[in-house]
Amino acid sequence: MKNRVKELRIAAGMTQQQLAERVHVSSRTIISLEKEQYNPSLLLAYRIAEVFQTSVEELYCLRENRELEDRNYEDLL
């Protein structure tokens, strides 16, 4: 799922390890999130959004991801 984790982390001057420690996960989890290879739990998404003072919707580009999923679904019909 497309997200802005890396963009916001870099803008905040944080390392992956620093972000991981703030949200109680491993740096490997942050790496996987940034590579869009892992979708977080709702609680983890919320914690990350809090760190960057944004919403989960904005952090995870939910409108854009929903529109993409809708287009993919429509293509199957």
PDB file of N, CA and C in Angstrom:
ATOM      1  N   MET A   1       0.844  -1.170   0.000  1.00  0.00           N
ATOM      2  CA  MET A   1       0.000   0.000   0.000  1.00  0.00           C
ATOM      3  C   MET A   1       0.892   1.237   0.000  1.00  0.00           C
ATOM      4  N   LYS A   2       0.560   2.159  -0.894  1.00  0.00           N
ATOM      5  CA  LYS A   2       1.324   3.406  -0.978  1.00  0.00           C
ATOM      6  C   LYS A   2       1.222   4.156   0.349  1.00  0.00           C
ATOM      7  N   ASN A   3       2.363   4.724   0.770  1.00  0.00           N
ATOM      8  CA  ASN A   3       2.362   5.492   2.014  1.00  0.00           C
ATOM      9  C   ASN A   3       3.425   6.581   1.956  1.00  0.00           C
ATOM     10  N   ARG A   4       3.415   7.458   2.958  1.00  0.00           N
ATOM     11  CA  ARG A   4       4.345   8.585   3.017  1.00  0.00           C
ATOM     12  C   ARG A   4       5.317   8.447   4.184  1.00  0.00           C
ATOM     13  N   VAL A   5       5.510   7.245   4.701  1.00  0.00           N
ATOM     14  CA  VAL A   5       6.348   7.048   5.883  1.00  0.00           C
ATOM     15  C   VAL A   5       7.767   7.551   5.634  1.00  0.00           C
ATOM     16  N   LYS A   6       8.401   7.110   4.574  1.00  0.00           N
ATOM     17  CA  LYS A   6       9.793   7.503   4.302  1.00  0.00           C
ATOM     18  C   LYS A   6       9.905   9.011   4.098  1.00  0.00           C
ATOM     19  N   GLU A   7       8.998   9.560   3.309  1.00  0.00           N
ATOM     20  CA  GLU A   7       8.997  11.006   3.042  1.00  0.00           C
ATOM     21  C   GLU A   7       8.918  11.809   4.345  1.00  0.00           C
ATOM     22  N   LEU A   8       7.996  11.446   5.218  1.00  0.00           N
ATOM     23  CA  LEU A   8       7.814  12.182   6.468  1.00  0.00           C
ATOM     24  C   LEU A   8       8.959  11.935   7.445  1.00  0.00           C
ATOM     25  N   ARG A   9       9.479  10.713   7.459  1.00  0.00           N
ATOM     26  CA  ARG A   9      10.608  10.397   8.344  1.00  0.00           C
ATOM     27  C   ARG A   9      11.827  11.222   7.968  1.00  0.00           C
ATOM     28  N   ILE A  10      12.129  11.286   6.677  1.00  0.00           N
ATOM     29  CA  ILE A  10      13.288  12.061   6.212  1.00  0.00           C
ATOM     30  C   ILE A  10      13.085  13.548   6.500  1.00  0.00           C
ATOM     31  N   ALA A  11      11.877  14.045   6.231  1.00  0.00           N
ATOM     32  CA  ALA A  11      11.582  15.465   6.498  1.00  0.00           C
ATOM     33  C   ALA A  11      11.753  15.806   7.977  1.00  0.00           C
ATOM     34  N   ALA A  12      11.481  14.821   8.840  1.00  0.00           N
ATOM     35  CA  ALA A  12      11.623  15.030  10.284  1.00  0.00           C
ATOM     36  C   ALA A  12      13.057  14.815  10.763  1.00  0.00           C
ATOM     37  N   GLY A  13      13.946  14.392   9.859  1.00  0.00           N
ATOM     38  CA  GLY A  13      15.335  14.169  10.229  1.00  0.00           C
ATOM     39  C   GLY A  13      15.536  12.945  11.111  1.00  0.00           C
ATOM     40  N   MET A  14      14.677  11.959  10.942  1.00  0.00           N
ATOM     41  CA  MET A  14      14.748  10.754  11.769  1.00  0.00           C
ATOM     42  C   MET A  14      15.355   9.598  10.991  1.00  0.00           C
ATOM     43  N   THR A  15      16.040   8.726  11.701  1.00  0.00           N
ATOM     44  CA  THR A  15      16.502   7.481  11.097  1.00  0.00           C
ATOM     45  C   THR A  15      15.386   6.449  11.211  1.00  0.00           C
ATOM     46  N   GLN A  16      15.540   5.365  10.461  1.00  0.00           N
ATOM     47  CA  GLN A  16      14.566   4.282  10.573  1.00  0.00           C
ATOM     48  C   GLN A  16      14.564   3.715  11.985  1.00  0.00           C
ATOM     49  N   GLN A  17      15.729   3.614  12.583  1.00  0.00           N
ATOM     50  CA  GLN A  17      15.830   3.083  13.942  1.00  0.00           C
ATOM     51  C   GLN A  17      15.127   3.999  14.946  1.00  0.00           C
ATOM     52  N   GLN A  18      15.295   5.289  14.797  1.00  0.00           N
ATOM     53  CA  GLN A  18      14.634   6.233  15.708  1.00  0.00           C
ATOM     54  C   GLN A  18      13.118   6.129  15.612  1.00  0.00           C
ATOM     55  N   LEU A  19      12.603   6.048  14.393  1.00  0.00           N
ATOM     56  CA  LEU A  19      11.162   5.906  14.222  1.00  0.00           C
ATOM     57  C   LEU A  19      10.691   4.582  14.815  1.00  0.00           C
ATOM     58  N   ALA A  20      11.433   3.524  14.552  1.00  0.00           N
ATOM     59  CA  ALA A  20      11.073   2.205  15.086  1.00  0.00           C
ATOM     60  C   ALA A  20      10.967   2.245  16.607  1.00  0.00           C
ATOM     61  N   GLU A  21      11.922   2.872  17.254  1.00  0.00           N
ATOM     62  CA  GLU A  21      11.907   2.954  18.716  1.00  0.00           C
ATOM     63  C   GLU A  21      10.708   3.752  19.219  1.00  0.00           C
ATOM     64  N   ARG A  22      10.345   4.807  18.507  1.00  0.00           N
ATOM     65  CA  ARG A  22       9.219   5.652  18.939  1.00  0.00           C
ATOM     66  C   ARG A  22       7.881   4.932  18.831  1.00  0.00           C
ATOM     67  N   VAL A  23       7.790   3.981  17.879  1.00  0.00           N
ATOM     68  CA  VAL A  23       6.501   3.301  17.680  1.00  0.00           C
ATOM     69  C   VAL A  23       6.545   1.832  18.113  1.00  0.00           C
ATOM     70  N   HIS A  24       7.634   1.452  18.770  1.00  0.00           N
ATOM     71  CA  HIS A  24       7.765   0.130  19.401  1.00  0.00           C
ATOM     72  C   HIS A  24       7.766  -1.046  18.412  1.00  0.00           C
ATOM     73  N   VAL A  25       8.523  -0.887  17.319  1.00  0.00           N
ATOM     74  CA  VAL A  25       8.712  -1.984  16.371  1.00  0.00           C
ATOM     75  C   VAL A  25      10.192  -2.072  16.016  1.00  0.00           C
ATOM     76  N   SER A  26      10.555  -3.049  15.205  1.00  0.00           N
ATOM     77  CA  SER A  26      11.946  -3.174  14.767  1.00  0.00           C
ATOM     78  C   SER A  26      12.198  -2.265  13.562  1.00  0.00           C
ATOM     79  N   SER A  27      13.458  -1.965  13.326  1.00  0.00           N
ATOM     80  CA  SER A  27      13.800  -1.165  12.150  1.00  0.00           C
ATOM     81  C   SER A  27      13.432  -1.914  10.873  1.00  0.00           C
ATOM     82  N   ARG A  28      13.454  -3.249  10.908  1.00  0.00           N
ATOM     83  CA  ARG A  28      13.049  -4.048   9.735  1.00  0.00           C
ATOM     84  C   ARG A  28      11.580  -3.784   9.388  1.00  0.00           C
ATOM     85  N   THR A  29      10.753  -3.576  10.389  1.00  0.00           N
ATOM     86  CA  THR A  29       9.349  -3.265  10.129  1.00  0.00           C
ATOM     87  C   THR A  29       9.229  -1.931   9.413  1.00  0.00           C
ATOM     88  N   ILE A  30       9.982  -0.940   9.855  1.00  0.00           N
ATOM     89  CA  ILE A  30       9.961   0.373   9.203  1.00  0.00           C
ATOM     90  C   ILE A  30      10.452   0.249   7.768  1.00  0.00           C
ATOM     91  N   ILE A  31      11.516  -0.504   7.560  1.00  0.00           N
ATOM     92  CA  ILE A  31      12.042  -0.713   6.208  1.00  0.00           C
ATOM     93  C   ILE A  31      10.965  -1.331   5.320  1.00  0.00           C
ATOM     94  N   SER A  32      10.279  -2.343   5.823  1.00  0.00           N
ATOM     95  CA  SER A  32       9.223  -3.010   5.048  1.00  0.00           C
ATOM     96  C   SER A  32       8.062  -2.069   4.748  1.00  0.00           C
ATOM     97  N   LEU A  33       7.709  -1.229   5.720  1.00  0.00           N
ATOM     98  CA  LEU A  33       6.648  -0.247   5.488  1.00  0.00           C
ATOM     99  C   LEU A  33       7.056   0.718   4.384  1.00  0.00           C
ATOM    100  N   GLU A  34       8.278   1.209   4.457  1.00  0.00           N
ATOM    101  CA  GLU A  34       8.751   2.187   3.479  1.00  0.00           C
ATOM    102  C   GLU A  34       8.847   1.597   2.078  1.00  0.00           C
ATOM    103  N   LYS A  35       9.106   0.328   1.981  1.00  0.00           N
ATOM    104  CA  LYS A  35       9.177  -0.347   0.676  1.00  0.00           C
ATOM    105  C   LYS A  35       7.802  -0.814   0.198  1.00  0.00           C
ATOM    106  N   GLU A  36       6.777  -0.492   0.987  1.00  0.00           N
ATOM    107  CA  GLU A  36       5.395  -0.862   0.683  1.00  0.00           C
ATOM    108  C   GLU A  36       5.243  -2.382   0.550  1.00  0.00           C
ATOM    109  N   GLN A  37       5.997  -3.109   1.366  1.00  0.00           N
ATOM    110  CA  GLN A  37       5.951  -4.565   1.373  1.00  0.00           C
ATOM    111  C   GLN A  37       5.159  -5.103   2.563  1.00  0.00           C
ATOM    112  N   TYR A  38       4.705  -4.212   3.419  1.00  0.00           N
ATOM    113  CA  TYR A  38       4.019  -4.618   4.646  1.00  0.00           C
ATOM    114  C   TYR A  38       2.948  -3.588   4.969  1.00  0.00           C
ATOM    115  N   ASN A  39       1.761  -4.052   5.281  1.00  0.00           N
ATOM    116  CA  ASN A  39       0.683  -3.167   5.719  1.00  0.00           C
ATOM    117  C   ASN A  39       0.583  -3.264   7.237  1.00  0.00           C
ATOM    118  N   PRO A  40       0.637  -2.132   7.911  1.00  0.00           N
ATOM    119  CA  PRO A  40       0.661  -2.153   9.377  1.00  0.00           C
ATOM    120  C   PRO A  40      -0.708  -2.440   9.981  1.00  0.00           C
ATOM    121  N   SER A  41      -0.678  -2.797  11.238  1.00  0.00           N
ATOM    122  CA  SER A  41      -1.928  -2.869  11.993  1.00  0.00           C
ATOM    123  C   SER A  41      -2.471  -1.451  12.120  1.00  0.00           C
ATOM    124  N   LEU A  42      -3.718  -1.347  12.444  1.00  0.00           N
ATOM    125  CA  LEU A  42      -4.335  -0.039  12.634  1.00  0.00           C
ATOM    126  C   LEU A  42      -3.632   0.729  13.750  1.00  0.00           C
ATOM    127  N   LEU A  43      -3.288   0.031  14.817  1.00  0.00           N
ATOM    128  CA  LEU A  43      -2.620   0.679  15.942  1.00  0.00           C
ATOM    129  C   LEU A  43      -1.244   1.207  15.543  1.00  0.00           C
ATOM    130  N   LEU A  44      -0.479   0.434  14.785  1.00  0.00           N
ATOM    131  CA  LEU A  44       0.832   0.903  14.342  1.00  0.00           C
ATOM    132  C   LEU A  44       0.690   2.094  13.404  1.00  0.00           C
ATOM    133  N   ALA A  45      -0.255   2.037  12.485  1.00  0.00           N
ATOM    134  CA  ALA A  45      -0.484   3.172  11.583  1.00  0.00           C
ATOM    135  C   ALA A  45      -0.821   4.424  12.383  1.00  0.00           C
ATOM    136  N   TYR A  46      -1.635   4.262  13.405  1.00  0.00           N
ATOM    137  CA  TYR A  46      -2.017   5.387  14.254  1.00  0.00           C
ATOM    138  C   TYR A  46      -0.803   5.949  14.993  1.00  0.00           C
ATOM    139  N   ARG A  47       0.034   5.078  15.524  1.00  0.00           N
ATOM    140  CA  ARG A  47       1.238   5.539  16.240  1.00  0.00           C
ATOM    141  C   ARG A  47       2.165   6.324  15.317  1.00  0.00           C
ATOM    142  N   ILE A  48       2.357   5.823  14.110  1.00  0.00           N
ATOM    143  CA  ILE A  48       3.232   6.519  13.163  1.00  0.00           C
ATOM    144  C   ILE A  48       2.626   7.864  12.789  1.00  0.00           C
ATOM    145  N   ALA A  49       1.323   7.887  12.542  1.00  0.00           N
ATOM    146  CA  ALA A  49       0.649   9.154  12.212  1.00  0.00           C
ATOM    147  C   ALA A  49       0.813  10.167  13.342  1.00  0.00           C
ATOM    148  N   GLU A  50       0.718   9.705  14.585  1.00  0.00           N
ATOM    149  CA  GLU A  50       0.909  10.605  15.729  1.00  0.00           C
ATOM    150  C   GLU A  50       2.313  11.199  15.751  1.00  0.00           C
ATOM    151  N   VAL A  51       3.310  10.381  15.461  1.00  0.00           N
ATOM    152  CA  VAL A  51       4.693  10.873  15.452  1.00  0.00           C
ATOM    153  C   VAL A  51       4.833  12.040  14.479  1.00  0.00           C
ATOM    154  N   PHE A  52       4.200  11.912  13.318  1.00  0.00           N
ATOM    155  CA  PHE A  52       4.328  12.938  12.277  1.00  0.00           C
ATOM    156  C   PHE A  52       3.201  13.961  12.297  1.00  0.00           C
ATOM    157  N   GLN A  53       2.357  13.898  13.317  1.00  0.00           N
ATOM    158  CA  GLN A  53       1.248  14.843  13.492  1.00  0.00           C
ATOM    159  C   GLN A  53       0.403  14.951  12.223  1.00  0.00           C
ATOM    160  N   THR A  54      -0.002  13.797  11.734  1.00  0.00           N
ATOM    161  CA  THR A  54      -0.871  13.735  10.566  1.00  0.00           C
ATOM    162  C   THR A  54      -1.934  12.679  10.830  1.00  0.00           C
ATOM    163  N   SER A  55      -2.801  12.486   9.892  1.00  0.00           N
ATOM    164  CA  SER A  55      -3.843  11.467  10.044  1.00  0.00           C
ATOM    165  C   SER A  55      -3.395  10.164   9.381  1.00  0.00           C
ATOM    166  N   VAL A  56      -4.013   9.085   9.783  1.00  0.00           N
ATOM    167  CA  VAL A  56      -3.745   7.793   9.145  1.00  0.00           C
ATOM    168  C   VAL A  56      -4.117   7.885   7.663  1.00  0.00           C
ATOM    169  N   GLU A  57      -5.214   8.568   7.364  1.00  0.00           N
ATOM    170  CA  GLU A  57      -5.655   8.718   5.976  1.00  0.00           C
ATOM    171  C   GLU A  57      -4.583   9.382   5.118  1.00  0.00           C
ATOM    172  N   GLU A  58      -3.972  10.429   5.640  1.00  0.00           N
ATOM    173  CA  GLU A  58      -2.928  11.133   4.889  1.00  0.00           C
ATOM    174  C   GLU A  58      -1.635  10.313   4.832  1.00  0.00           C
ATOM    175  N   LEU A  59      -1.277   9.704   5.934  1.00  0.00           N
ATOM    176  CA  LEU A  59      -0.045   8.910   6.000  1.00  0.00           C
ATOM    177  C   LEU A  59      -0.073   7.761   5.003  1.00  0.00           C
ATOM    178  N   TYR A  60      -1.227   7.119   4.888  1.00  0.00           N
ATOM    179  CA  TYR A  60      -1.350   5.952   4.013  1.00  0.00           C
ATOM    180  C   TYR A  60      -2.101   6.233   2.719  1.00  0.00           C
ATOM    181  N   CYS A  61      -2.218   7.505   2.345  1.00  0.00           N
ATOM    182  CA  CYS A  61      -2.793   7.886   1.045  1.00  0.00           C
ATOM    183  C   CYS A  61      -4.059   7.073   0.775  1.00  0.00           C
ATOM    184  N   LEU A  62      -4.937   7.001   1.763  1.00  0.00           N
ATOM    185  CA  LEU A  62      -6.078   6.087   1.680  1.00  0.00           C
ATOM    186  C   LEU A  62      -7.017   6.407   0.520  1.00  0.00           C
ATOM    187  N   ARG A  63      -7.233   7.654   0.222  1.00  0.00           N
ATOM    188  CA  ARG A  63      -8.107   7.988  -0.909  1.00  0.00           C
ATOM    189  C   ARG A  63      -7.494   7.470  -2.208  1.00  0.00           C
ATOM    190  N   GLU A  64      -6.213   7.750  -2.409  1.00  0.00           N
ATOM    191  CA  GLU A  64      -5.520   7.307  -3.619  1.00  0.00           C
ATOM    192  C   GLU A  64      -5.481   5.780  -3.712  1.00  0.00           C
ATOM    193  N   ASN A  65      -5.194   5.114  -2.598  1.00  0.00           N
ATOM    194  CA  ASN A  65      -5.153   3.651  -2.595  1.00  0.00           C
ATOM    195  C   ASN A  65      -6.536   3.060  -2.871  1.00  0.00           C
ATOM    196  N   ARG A  66      -7.578   3.671  -2.331  1.00  0.00           N
ATOM    197  CA  ARG A  66      -8.931   3.180  -2.584  1.00  0.00           C
ATOM    198  C   ARG A  66      -9.303   3.330  -4.048  1.00  0.00           C
ATOM    199  N   GLU A  67      -8.973   4.479  -4.635  1.00  0.00           N
ATOM    200  CA  GLU A  67      -9.279   4.703  -6.049  1.00  0.00           C
ATOM    201  C   GLU A  67      -8.548   3.702  -6.936  1.00  0.00           C
ATOM    202  N   LEU A  68      -7.305   3.416  -6.617  1.00  0.00           N
ATOM    203  CA  LEU A  68      -6.544   2.425  -7.375  1.00  0.00           C
ATOM    204  C   LEU A  68      -7.183   1.046  -7.251  1.00  0.00           C
ATOM    205  N   GLU A  69      -7.561   0.683  -6.035  1.00  0.00           N
ATOM    206  CA  GLU A  69      -8.200  -0.613  -5.825  1.00  0.00           C
ATOM    207  C   GLU A  69      -9.533  -0.686  -6.564  1.00  0.00           C
ATOM    208  N   ASP A  70     -10.301   0.407  -6.551  1.00  0.00           N
ATOM    209  CA  ASP A  70     -11.580   0.438  -7.263  1.00  0.00           C
ATOM    210  C   ASP A  70     -11.365   0.250  -8.763  1.00  0.00           C
ATOM    211  N   ARG A  71     -10.366   0.914  -9.327  1.00  0.00           N
ATOM    212  CA  ARG A  71     -10.076   0.760 -10.765  1.00  0.00           C
ATOM    213  C   ARG A  71      -9.679  -0.678 -11.078  1.00  0.00           C
ATOM    214  N   ASN A  72      -8.859  -1.266 -10.234  1.00  0.00           N
ATOM    215  CA  ASN A  72      -8.440  -2.653 -10.451  1.00  0.00           C
ATOM    216  C   ASN A  72      -9.634  -3.594 -10.387  1.00  0.00           C
ATOM    217  N   TYR A  73     -10.551  -3.333  -9.480  1.00  0.00           N
ATOM    218  CA  TYR A  73     -11.750  -4.159  -9.352  1.00  0.00           C
ATOM    219  C   TYR A  73     -12.615  -4.021 -10.598  1.00  0.00           C
ATOM    220  N   GLU A  74     -12.781  -2.794 -11.054  1.00  0.00           N
ATOM    221  CA  GLU A  74     -13.609  -2.542 -12.241  1.00  0.00           C
ATOM    222  C   GLU A  74     -13.028  -3.245 -13.470  1.00  0.00           C
ATOM    223  N   ASP A  75     -11.713  -3.324 -13.549  1.00  0.00           N
ATOM    224  CA  ASP A  75     -11.056  -4.000 -14.669  1.00  0.00           C
ATOM    225  C   ASP A  75     -11.364  -5.499 -14.677  1.00  0.00           C
ATOM    226  N   LEU A  76     -11.685  -6.053 -13.514  1.00  0.00           N
ATOM    227  CA  LEU A  76     -11.986  -7.476 -13.423  1.00  0.00           C
ATOM    228  C   LEU A  76     -13.400  -7.798 -13.909  1.00  0.00           C
ATOM    229  N   LEU A  77     -14.256  -6.803 -13.926  1.00  0.00           N
ATOM    230  CA  LEU A  77     -15.665  -7.037 -14.307  1.00  0.00           C
ATOM    231  C   LEU A  77     -15.846  -7.156 -15.798  1.00  0.00           C
TER     232      LEU A  77
END
